[in-house]
Amino acid sequence: MRRKLVVLMAMVLLILSACGQDSAQKPITLKDQNSHEVTFPQDKPSLFFFITTYT
């Protein structure tokens, strides 16, 4: 049962990744904790962490 679920999830992930775009059309801009805008470059891959707090 678990193996079938893993295979199904892998197939869904493969299909969803094939339907996506190769790159973003517009630059990605986010705000940091000090409300400064941060723009991520589009010419090379980048990794960012997103942490939220609920207050």
N, C-alpha and C. Protein backbone atom coordinates (compact mmCIF):
# COMPACT_ATOMS: atom_id res chain seq x y z
N MET A 1 0.82 -1.19 0.00
CA MET A 1 0.00 0.00 0.00
C MET A 1 0.87 1.26 0.00
N ARG A 2 1.90 1.27 0.84
CA ARG A 2 2.78 2.44 0.93
C ARG A 2 3.56 2.64 -0.36
N ARG A 3 3.96 1.55 -0.99
CA ARG A 3 4.72 1.65 -2.23
C ARG A 3 3.85 2.24 -3.34
N LYS A 4 2.58 1.85 -3.39
CA LYS A 4 1.67 2.40 -4.39
C LYS A 4 1.49 3.90 -4.19
N LEU A 5 1.41 4.33 -2.95
CA LEU A 5 1.26 5.75 -2.64
C LEU A 5 2.49 6.53 -3.07
N VAL A 6 3.66 5.99 -2.83
CA VAL A 6 4.91 6.66 -3.22
C VAL A 6 5.00 6.76 -4.74
N VAL A 7 4.65 5.70 -5.44
CA VAL A 7 4.69 5.72 -6.91
C VAL A 7 3.67 6.73 -7.45
N LEU A 8 2.49 6.76 -6.88
CA LEU A 8 1.46 7.72 -7.31
C LEU A 8 1.91 9.16 -7.07
N MET A 9 2.48 9.44 -5.92
CA MET A 9 2.97 10.78 -5.61
C MET A 9 4.11 11.18 -6.55
N ALA A 10 4.99 10.25 -6.89
CA ALA A 10 6.08 10.54 -7.81
C ALA A 10 5.55 10.86 -9.20
N MET A 11 4.53 10.14 -9.65
CA MET A 11 3.93 10.42 -10.96
C MET A 11 3.26 11.78 -10.97
N VAL A 12 2.54 12.13 -9.92
CA VAL A 12 1.88 13.44 -9.84
C VAL A 12 2.93 14.55 -9.84
N LEU A 13 4.01 14.38 -9.09
CA LEU A 13 5.08 15.37 -9.05
C LEU A 13 5.72 15.53 -10.42
N LEU A 14 5.94 14.45 -11.12
CA LEU A 14 6.53 14.50 -12.45
C LEU A 14 5.62 15.24 -13.43
N ILE A 15 4.35 14.97 -13.39
CA ILE A 15 3.39 15.64 -14.28
C ILE A 15 3.32 17.14 -13.96
N LEU A 16 3.25 17.49 -12.68
CA LEU A 16 3.18 18.90 -12.31
C LEU A 16 4.45 19.66 -12.68
N SER A 17 5.59 19.04 -12.53
CA SER A 17 6.84 19.72 -12.88
C SER A 17 6.98 19.88 -14.40
N ALA A 18 6.41 18.98 -15.17
CA ALA A 18 6.47 19.09 -16.62
C ALA A 18 5.57 20.20 -17.15
N CYS A 19 4.53 20.56 -16.40
CA CYS A 19 3.60 21.59 -16.84
C CYS A 19 4.06 23.00 -16.48
N GLY A 20 5.09 23.14 -15.68
CA GLY A 20 5.53 24.46 -15.23
C GLY A 20 6.38 25.17 -16.27
N GLN A 21 6.65 26.45 -16.01
CA GLN A 21 7.49 27.25 -16.89
C GLN A 21 8.95 27.02 -16.55
N ASP A 22 9.83 27.28 -17.52
CA ASP A 22 11.27 27.11 -17.29
C ASP A 22 11.81 28.19 -16.36
N SER A 23 11.31 29.41 -16.48
CA SER A 23 11.79 30.50 -15.63
C SER A 23 10.66 31.49 -15.39
N ALA A 24 10.85 32.32 -14.39
CA ALA A 24 9.84 33.32 -14.06
C ALA A 24 9.87 34.44 -15.10
N GLN A 25 8.73 35.02 -15.36
CA GLN A 25 8.64 36.11 -16.34
C GLN A 25 9.07 37.44 -15.74
N LYS A 26 8.77 37.64 -14.46
CA LYS A 26 9.12 38.89 -13.78
C LYS A 26 10.03 38.57 -12.60
N PRO A 27 10.88 39.52 -12.19
CA PRO A 27 11.71 39.27 -11.01
C PRO A 27 10.86 39.10 -9.76
N ILE A 28 11.34 38.30 -8.84
CA ILE A 28 10.63 38.04 -7.59
C ILE A 28 11.12 39.05 -6.55
N THR A 29 10.20 39.81 -5.98
CA THR A 29 10.54 40.79 -4.97
C THR A 29 9.74 40.50 -3.70
N LEU A 30 10.45 40.37 -2.59
CA LEU A 30 9.83 40.13 -1.29
C LEU A 30 10.29 41.19 -0.30
N LYS A 31 9.62 41.28 0.82
CA LYS A 31 10.04 42.20 1.88
C LYS A 31 10.63 41.39 3.03
N ASP A 32 11.73 41.90 3.61
CA ASP A 32 12.33 41.22 4.74
C ASP A 32 11.71 41.72 6.04
N GLN A 33 12.27 41.32 7.18
CA GLN A 33 11.68 41.66 8.47
C GLN A 33 11.74 43.15 8.78
N ASN A 34 12.59 43.90 8.07
CA ASN A 34 12.70 45.34 8.29
C ASN A 34 11.95 46.13 7.22
N SER A 35 11.10 45.47 6.46
CA SER A 35 10.31 46.05 5.36
C SER A 35 11.16 46.59 4.22
N HIS A 36 12.36 46.05 4.05
CA HIS A 36 13.18 46.38 2.88
C HIS A 36 12.84 45.40 1.77
N GLU A 37 12.75 45.89 0.54
CA GLU A 37 12.45 45.01 -0.58
C GLU A 37 13.71 44.28 -1.02
N VAL A 38 13.59 42.98 -1.24
CA VAL A 38 14.69 42.13 -1.67
C VAL A 38 14.28 41.49 -2.99
N THR A 39 15.10 41.67 -4.04
CA THR A 39 14.81 41.11 -5.35
C THR A 39 15.76 39.95 -5.62
N PHE A 40 15.20 38.83 -6.05
CA PHE A 40 16.01 37.66 -6.36
C PHE A 40 16.42 37.68 -7.83
N PRO A 41 17.67 37.35 -8.12
CA PRO A 41 18.12 37.35 -9.51
C PRO A 41 17.47 36.24 -10.32
N GLN A 42 17.26 36.48 -11.60
CA GLN A 42 16.64 35.50 -12.49
C GLN A 42 17.67 34.78 -13.36
N ASP A 43 18.91 35.27 -13.38
CA ASP A 43 19.91 34.67 -14.27
C ASP A 43 20.54 33.40 -13.70
N LYS A 44 20.42 33.17 -12.40
CA LYS A 44 20.97 31.96 -11.81
C LYS A 44 20.02 31.43 -10.74
N PRO A 45 20.07 30.15 -10.44
CA PRO A 45 19.18 29.59 -9.42
C PRO A 45 19.49 30.17 -8.04
N SER A 46 18.46 30.37 -7.25
CA SER A 46 18.67 30.87 -5.88
C SER A 46 17.77 30.09 -4.93
N LEU A 47 18.20 30.03 -3.69
CA LEU A 47 17.47 29.31 -2.65
C LEU A 47 17.16 30.30 -1.54
N PHE A 48 15.90 30.35 -1.13
CA PHE A 48 15.56 31.21 0.00
C PHE A 48 14.63 30.47 0.94
N PHE A 49 14.69 30.85 2.20
CA PHE A 49 13.87 30.24 3.24
C PHE A 49 12.74 31.19 3.59
N PHE A 50 11.57 30.65 3.78
CA PHE A 50 10.39 31.45 4.10
C PHE A 50 9.88 30.99 5.46
N ILE A 51 9.96 31.87 6.44
CA ILE A 51 9.52 31.55 7.79
C ILE A 51 8.41 32.51 8.18
N THR A 52 7.31 31.97 8.68
CA THR A 52 6.21 32.81 9.09
C THR A 52 5.98 32.67 10.58
N THR A 53 5.37 33.70 11.15
CA THR A 53 4.96 33.63 12.54
C THR A 53 3.51 34.02 12.63
N TYR A 54 2.80 33.40 13.51
CA TYR A 54 1.39 33.71 13.71
C TYR A 54 1.25 34.43 15.05
N THR A 55 0.76 35.66 14.98
CA THR A 55 0.60 36.43 16.23
C THR A 55 -0.84 36.86 16.39
